[in-house]
Protein backbone atom coordinates (compact mmCIF):
# COMPACT_ATOMS: atom_id res chain seq x y z
CA GLU A 1 83.73 247.94 7.19
CA PRO A 2 84.08 249.01 10.86
CA GLY A 3 80.62 250.08 12.66
CA SER A 4 77.04 248.82 12.84
CA ASN A 5 74.84 248.98 9.62
CA GLU A 6 73.09 252.10 11.15
CA GLU A 7 76.55 253.76 12.01
CA ILE A 8 77.72 252.99 8.31
CA LYS A 9 74.62 254.55 6.71
CA GLN A 10 74.66 257.75 9.05
CA PHE A 11 78.50 258.07 8.25
CA ALA A 12 77.82 257.60 4.23
CA CYS A 13 74.85 260.00 4.14
CA THR A 14 76.47 262.44 6.60
CA LYS A 15 80.00 262.66 5.07
CA PHE A 16 79.35 261.70 1.50
CA LYS A 17 75.68 262.89 1.03
CA ALA A 18 74.52 259.60 0.07
CA GLU A 19 70.83 259.64 -1.24
CA PHE A 20 71.06 256.06 -2.68
CA PRO A 21 69.93 252.97 -1.11
CA ILE A 22 72.82 251.69 1.23
CA PHE A 23 72.46 247.76 1.89
CA ASP A 24 73.53 245.97 5.16
CA LYS A 25 77.04 244.72 5.19
CA VAL A 26 77.60 240.90 4.41
CA ASP A 27 80.95 238.80 4.39
CA VAL A 28 82.44 238.63 0.96
CA ASN A 29 85.04 235.99 1.90
CA GLY A 30 85.46 233.28 4.55
CA PRO A 31 83.10 230.82 6.09
CA PHE A 32 80.00 232.90 6.12
CA THR A 33 80.36 234.60 2.71
CA ALA A 34 77.03 235.67 1.45
CA PRO A 35 75.48 233.44 -1.15
CA VAL A 36 75.71 236.35 -4.16
CA TYR A 37 79.15 236.69 -3.62
CA GLN A 38 79.78 232.79 -3.24
CA PHE A 39 77.94 232.71 -6.91
CA LEU A 40 80.08 235.67 -8.33
CA LYS A 41 83.42 234.43 -7.24
CA SER A 42 82.84 230.78 -8.29
CA SER A 43 81.70 232.12 -11.86
CA SER A 44 84.53 234.52 -12.66
CA GLY A 45 87.54 232.63 -11.06
CA GLY A 46 90.47 233.24 -13.06
CA PHE A 47 93.13 235.66 -12.32
CA PHE A 48 91.48 236.80 -9.14
CA GLY A 49 90.87 233.38 -7.49
CA ASP A 50 88.24 232.98 -4.81
CA LEU A 51 89.05 236.16 -2.74
CA ILE A 52 87.60 239.65 -3.18
CA LYS A 53 90.76 241.46 -2.60
CA TRP A 54 89.32 245.18 -1.95
CA ASN A 55 86.57 247.45 -1.91
CA PHE A 56 85.09 248.36 -5.47
CA GLU A 57 85.94 245.06 -7.13
CA LYS A 58 83.11 244.84 -10.03
CA PHE A 59 81.29 242.16 -11.66
CA LEU A 60 79.62 242.34 -14.63
CA VAL A 61 76.42 240.19 -14.95
CA ASP A 62 74.40 239.92 -18.07
CA LYS A 63 70.53 239.68 -18.10
CA ASN A 64 70.54 235.92 -17.99
CA GLY A 65 72.46 236.08 -14.50
CA LYS A 66 75.69 235.07 -16.12
CA VAL A 67 78.85 236.48 -14.84
CA VAL A 68 80.50 237.97 -18.01
CA GLU A 69 83.64 239.75 -16.56
CA ARG A 70 85.32 240.43 -13.41
CA TYR A 71 87.39 243.79 -12.90
CA PRO A 72 89.59 244.94 -10.44
CA PRO A 73 88.94 247.83 -7.85
CA THR A 74 91.06 250.21 -10.13
CA THR A 75 88.74 249.79 -12.98
CA SER A 76 86.74 252.77 -13.71
CA PRO A 77 83.03 252.12 -14.54
CA PHE A 78 83.64 254.18 -17.52
CA GLN A 79 86.42 251.87 -18.85
CA ILE A 80 83.58 248.95 -18.85
CA GLU A 81 80.71 251.05 -20.49
CA VAL A 82 80.89 249.69 -23.59
CA ARG A 83 80.97 246.30 -22.38
CA VAL A 84 77.71 247.23 -20.71
CA ILE A 85 76.27 248.69 -23.66
CA ASP A 86 76.97 245.71 -25.91
CA LEU A 87 75.16 243.37 -23.33
């Protein structure tokens, strides 16, 4: 995402009326990948490999911190609702 953290927050709040917390941006791929994304990617692997390809890729994590499933950006949250409820 281009821009500083403050510029991104300002854009989201102005353009999209975001009223939820917006966290600072972090690297999700490459040598400076944030630890949480290192964990998520290494715990899910499979078809997706070691890279996050695009925004809105999703990871379903259970209450014990185990990655249960990984979903592509095209998957709607409504499509995984049953899996979330089953956890």
